[in-house]
């Protein structure tokens, strides 16, 4: 299954770390959201969309990309995020937007990430050292399980 992972990782590289671990596991291509060529997306069977969480939402560049996506018929996708709160519910909005475009969302993953935004900067941030080795292992397990479940 030809796979692409698109990520937005702005401040500490949290989401990029998770995306790269998944890409290695899935033998996927990986690209920063700012470098995506929408026309190339038709060449992939599975597309992952990942972002850090900013004010409870995916990064604005990822939101803009998803808005520009053409409608597709049953293209497989998955969603992942990193945040100080580690809430998988942050992925729900993106999942719905992808479904509106005709994507089938076959998985969703989230983990804690180091955050120094706003008031957190005053205390040295929260989630220091995250994502850690355990988070990376969980991301790899998620990727393997997602693809195995889909194939079965």
C-alpha atoms as a PDB file:
ATOM      1  CA  UNK A   1       0.000   0.000   0.000  1.00  0.00           C
ATOM      2  CA  UNK A   2       1.658   3.231  -1.149  1.00  0.00           C
ATOM      3  CA  UNK A   3       1.537   5.622   1.799  1.00  0.00           C
ATOM      4  CA  UNK A   4       2.176   9.328   2.329  1.00  0.00           C
ATOM      5  CA  UNK A   5       2.401  11.125   5.648  1.00  0.00           C
ATOM      6  CA  UNK A   6       1.823  14.886   5.706  1.00  0.00           C
ATOM      7  CA  UNK A   7       2.763  16.724   8.882  1.00  0.00           C
ATOM      8  CA  UNK A   8       2.801  20.190  10.439  1.00  0.00           C
ATOM      9  CA  UNK A   9       5.397  20.413  13.205  1.00  0.00           C
ATOM     10  CA  UNK A  10       6.288  23.980  14.104  1.00  0.00           C
ATOM     11  CA  UNK A  11       7.958  24.566  17.477  1.00  0.00           C
ATOM     12  CA  UNK A  12       9.737  21.500  18.851  1.00  0.00           C
ATOM     13  CA  UNK A  13       9.474  18.837  16.116  1.00  0.00           C
ATOM     14  CA  UNK A  14       7.100  16.702  18.207  1.00  0.00           C
ATOM     15  CA  UNK A  15       4.767  15.762  15.375  1.00  0.00           C
ATOM     16  CA  UNK A  16       7.604  15.293  12.904  1.00  0.00           C
ATOM     17  CA  UNK A  17       9.203  12.721  15.274  1.00  0.00           C
ATOM     18  CA  UNK A  18       5.956  10.756  15.442  1.00  0.00           C
ATOM     19  CA  UNK A  19       5.372  11.078  11.689  1.00  0.00           C
ATOM     20  CA  UNK A  20       8.889   9.867  10.863  1.00  0.00           C
ATOM     21  CA  UNK A  21       8.503   6.827  13.138  1.00  0.00           C
ATOM     22  CA  UNK A  22       5.227   5.958  11.412  1.00  0.00           C
ATOM     23  CA  UNK A  23       6.735   6.589   7.974  1.00  0.00           C
ATOM     24  CA  UNK A  24       9.626   4.229   8.685  1.00  0.00           C
ATOM     25  CA  UNK A  25       7.219   1.556   9.928  1.00  0.00           C
ATOM     26  CA  UNK A  26       4.919   1.929   6.925  1.00  0.00           C
ATOM     27  CA  UNK A  27       7.705   2.466   4.370  1.00  0.00           C
ATOM     28  CA  UNK A  28       5.896   5.722   3.612  1.00  0.00           C
ATOM     29  CA  UNK A  29       6.915   8.964   1.997  1.00  0.00           C
ATOM     30  CA  UNK A  30       6.762  11.903   4.396  1.00  0.00           C
ATOM     31  CA  UNK A  31       6.368  15.594   3.573  1.00  0.00           C
ATOM     32  CA  UNK A  32       5.919  18.851   5.447  1.00  0.00           C
ATOM     33  CA  UNK A  33       2.482  20.372   4.894  1.00  0.00           C
ATOM     34  CA  UNK A  34       4.119  23.423   3.293  1.00  0.00           C
ATOM     35  CA  UNK A  35       5.699  21.247   0.580  1.00  0.00           C
ATOM     36  CA  UNK A  36       2.656  19.204  -0.478  1.00  0.00           C
ATOM     37  CA  UNK A  37       1.724  19.036  -4.155  1.00  0.00           C
ATOM     38  CA  UNK A  38      -1.997  18.237  -4.115  1.00  0.00           C
ATOM     39  CA  UNK A  39      -1.777  16.636  -7.559  1.00  0.00           C
ATOM     40  CA  UNK A  40       0.617  13.997  -6.174  1.00  0.00           C
ATOM     41  CA  UNK A  41      -1.907  12.764  -3.610  1.00  0.00           C
ATOM     42  CA  UNK A  42      -3.740  10.689  -6.213  1.00  0.00           C
ATOM     43  CA  UNK A  43      -0.650   8.434  -6.375  1.00  0.00           C
ATOM     44  CA  UNK A  44      -1.141   7.188  -2.796  1.00  0.00           C
ATOM     45  CA  UNK A  45      -3.445   4.523  -1.355  1.00  0.00           C
ATOM     46  CA  UNK A  46      -3.186   5.776   2.240  1.00  0.00           C
ATOM     47  CA  UNK A  47      -2.506   9.321   3.468  1.00  0.00           C
ATOM     48  CA  UNK A  48      -1.746  10.314   7.051  1.00  0.00           C
ATOM     49  CA  UNK A  49      -2.404  13.851   8.276  1.00  0.00           C
ATOM     50  CA  UNK A  50      -0.564  14.936  11.424  1.00  0.00           C
ATOM     51  CA  UNK A  51      -0.159  18.170  13.327  1.00  0.00           C
ATOM     52  CA  UNK A  52       0.719  19.681  16.623  1.00  0.00           C
ATOM     53  CA  UNK A  53      -2.274  21.198  18.363  1.00  0.00           C
ATOM     54  CA  UNK A  54      -2.487  24.990  18.523  1.00  0.00           C
ATOM     55  CA  UNK A  55      -5.312  26.457  20.574  1.00  0.00           C
ATOM     56  CA  UNK A  56      -7.180  23.152  20.412  1.00  0.00           C
ATOM     57  CA  UNK A  57      -6.850  22.840  16.615  1.00  0.00           C
ATOM     58  CA  UNK A  58      -4.574  21.438  13.955  1.00  0.00           C
ATOM     59  CA  UNK A  59      -2.097  23.954  12.533  1.00  0.00           C
ATOM     60  CA  UNK A  60      -3.673  26.507  10.177  1.00  0.00           C
ATOM     61  CA  UNK A  61      -1.582  25.281   7.221  1.00  0.00           C
ATOM     62  CA  UNK A  62      -2.948  21.743   7.633  1.00  0.00           C
ATOM     63  CA  UNK A  63      -6.497  23.090   7.894  1.00  0.00           C
ATOM     64  CA  UNK A  64      -5.946  25.113   4.698  1.00  0.00           C
ATOM     65  CA  UNK A  65      -4.543  22.076   2.869  1.00  0.00           C
ATOM     66  CA  UNK A  66      -7.518  19.923   3.828  1.00  0.00           C
ATOM     67  CA  UNK A  67      -9.916  22.648   2.671  1.00  0.00           C
ATOM     68  CA  UNK A  68      -8.165  22.666  -0.746  1.00  0.00           C
ATOM     69  CA  UNK A  69      -8.255  18.887  -1.197  1.00  0.00           C
ATOM     70  CA  UNK A  70     -10.410  17.678  -4.064  1.00  0.00           C
ATOM     71  CA  UNK A  71     -13.188  15.218  -3.341  1.00  0.00           C
ATOM     72  CA  UNK A  72     -12.111  11.589  -3.555  1.00  0.00           C
ATOM     73  CA  UNK A  73     -13.887   8.255  -3.520  1.00  0.00           C
ATOM     74  CA  UNK A  74     -13.009   6.088  -0.536  1.00  0.00           C
ATOM     75  CA  UNK A  75      -9.307   7.028  -0.283  1.00  0.00           C
ATOM     76  CA  UNK A  76      -7.887   5.690   2.990  1.00  0.00           C
ATOM     77  CA  UNK A  77      -6.484   8.109   5.562  1.00  0.00           C
ATOM     78  CA  UNK A  78      -5.437   8.402   9.173  1.00  0.00           C
ATOM     79  CA  UNK A  79      -4.968  11.287  11.576  1.00  0.00           C
ATOM     80  CA  UNK A  80      -2.380  11.901  14.290  1.00  0.00           C
ATOM     81  CA  UNK A  81      -1.471  14.717  16.647  1.00  0.00           C
ATOM     82  CA  UNK A  82       0.798  15.777  19.481  1.00  0.00           C
ATOM     83  CA  UNK A  83      -0.291  18.141  22.224  1.00  0.00           C
ATOM     84  CA  UNK A  84       0.295  19.081  25.821  1.00  0.00           C
ATOM     85  CA  UNK A  85      -3.071  17.567  26.705  1.00  0.00           C
ATOM     86  CA  UNK A  86      -2.784  14.327  24.678  1.00  0.00           C
ATOM     87  CA  UNK A  87      -6.453  14.447  23.693  1.00  0.00           C
ATOM     88  CA  UNK A  88      -7.427  12.245  20.782  1.00  0.00           C
ATOM     89  CA  UNK A  89     -10.602  14.332  20.550  1.00  0.00           C
ATOM     90  CA  UNK A  90      -8.494  17.078  18.932  1.00  0.00           C
ATOM     91  CA  UNK A  91      -8.375  14.816  15.851  1.00  0.00           C
ATOM     92  CA  UNK A  92     -12.171  14.667  15.463  1.00  0.00           C
ATOM     93  CA  UNK A  93     -12.545  17.890  13.464  1.00  0.00           C
ATOM     94  CA  UNK A  94      -9.945  16.768  10.900  1.00  0.00           C
ATOM     95  CA  UNK A  95     -11.507  13.314  10.693  1.00  0.00           C
ATOM     96  CA  UNK A  96     -14.872  14.893   9.862  1.00  0.00           C
ATOM     97  CA  UNK A  97     -13.342  17.248   7.268  1.00  0.00           C
ATOM     98  CA  UNK A  98     -11.611  14.320   5.581  1.00  0.00           C
ATOM     99  CA  UNK A  99     -14.846  12.296   5.548  1.00  0.00           C
ATOM    100  CA  UNK A 100     -16.629  15.254   3.929  1.00  0.00           C
ATOM    101  CA  UNK A 101     -14.017  15.062   1.143  1.00  0.00           C
ATOM    102  CA  UNK A 102     -14.695  11.339   0.637  1.00  0.00           C
ATOM    103  CA  UNK A 103     -11.787   9.919   2.662  1.00  0.00           C
ATOM    104  CA  UNK A 104     -12.228   6.832   4.822  1.00  0.00           C
ATOM    105  CA  UNK A 105     -10.459   7.413   8.152  1.00  0.00           C
ATOM    106  CA  UNK A 106      -9.018   4.075   9.266  1.00  0.00           C
ATOM    107  CA  UNK A 107      -7.161   5.272  12.367  1.00  0.00           C
ATOM    108  CA  UNK A 108      -6.476   8.087  14.802  1.00  0.00           C
ATOM    109  CA  UNK A 109      -3.518   8.554  17.169  1.00  0.00           C
ATOM    110  CA  UNK A 110      -2.406  11.175  19.667  1.00  0.00           C
ATOM    111  CA  UNK A 111       0.367  11.553  22.185  1.00  0.00           C
ATOM    112  CA  UNK A 112       1.838  14.125  24.499  1.00  0.00           C
ATOM    113  CA  UNK A 113       4.305  16.647  23.120  1.00  0.00           C
ATOM    114  CA  UNK A 114       6.576  19.232  24.673  1.00  0.00           C
ATOM    115  CA  UNK A 115       4.711  22.553  24.808  1.00  0.00           C
ATOM    116  CA  UNK A 116       6.113  26.011  25.557  1.00  0.00           C
ATOM    117  CA  UNK A 117       3.244  28.016  24.106  1.00  0.00           C
ATOM    118  CA  UNK A 118       1.904  31.055  25.952  1.00  0.00           C
ATOM    119  CA  UNK A 119       1.943  30.768  29.735  1.00  0.00           C
ATOM    120  CA  UNK A 120       3.682  27.366  29.609  1.00  0.00           C
ATOM    121  CA  UNK A 121       6.839  29.180  28.490  1.00  0.00           C
ATOM    122  CA  UNK A 122       6.976  30.971  31.854  1.00  0.00           C
ATOM    123  CA  UNK A 123       7.348  27.666  33.690  1.00  0.00           C
ATOM    124  CA  UNK A 124       9.743  26.046  31.208  1.00  0.00           C
ATOM    125  CA  UNK A 125       7.014  24.259  29.293  1.00  0.00           C
ATOM    126  CA  UNK A 126       5.041  21.108  29.967  1.00  0.00           C
ATOM    127  CA  UNK A 127       5.532  17.623  28.628  1.00  0.00           C
ATOM    128  CA  UNK A 128       9.318  18.063  28.559  1.00  0.00           C
ATOM    129  CA  UNK A 129      11.012  15.139  26.868  1.00  0.00           C
ATOM    130  CA  UNK A 130       7.857  14.142  25.014  1.00  0.00           C
ATOM    131  CA  UNK A 131       7.327  12.459  22.692  1.00  0.00           C
ATOM    132  CA  UNK A 132       9.627   9.930  24.336  1.00  0.00           C
ATOM    133  CA  UNK A 133      10.662   6.373  23.407  1.00  0.00           C
ATOM    134  CA  UNK A 134       7.399   4.977  24.785  1.00  0.00           C
ATOM    135  CA  UNK A 135       5.375   7.445  22.675  1.00  0.00           C
ATOM    136  CA  UNK A 136       7.386   6.483  19.584  1.00  0.00           C
ATOM    137  CA  UNK A 137       6.751   2.788  20.289  1.00  0.00           C
ATOM    138  CA  UNK A 138       3.025   3.477  20.658  1.00  0.00           C
ATOM    139  CA  UNK A 139       3.050   5.350  17.329  1.00  0.00           C
ATOM    140  CA  UNK A 140       4.822   2.439  15.631  1.00  0.00           C
ATOM    141  CA  UNK A 141       2.372  -0.053  17.189  1.00  0.00           C
ATOM    142  CA  UNK A 142      -0.540   2.133  16.048  1.00  0.00           C
ATOM    143  CA  UNK A 143       0.782   2.258  12.472  1.00  0.00           C
ATOM    144  CA  UNK A 144       1.384  -1.500  12.322  1.00  0.00           C
ATOM    145  CA  UNK A 145      -1.989  -2.291  13.863  1.00  0.00           C
ATOM    146  CA  UNK A 146      -3.872   0.134  11.660  1.00  0.00           C
ATOM    147  CA  UNK A 147      -2.483  -1.360   8.469  1.00  0.00           C
ATOM    148  CA  UNK A 148      -2.860  -4.950   9.698  1.00  0.00           C
ATOM    149  CA  UNK A 149      -6.493  -4.330  10.710  1.00  0.00           C
ATOM    150  CA  UNK A 150      -7.217  -2.762   7.372  1.00  0.00           C
ATOM    151  CA  UNK A 151      -5.719  -5.691   5.448  1.00  0.00           C
ATOM    152  CA  UNK A 152      -7.692  -8.277   7.474  1.00  0.00           C
END
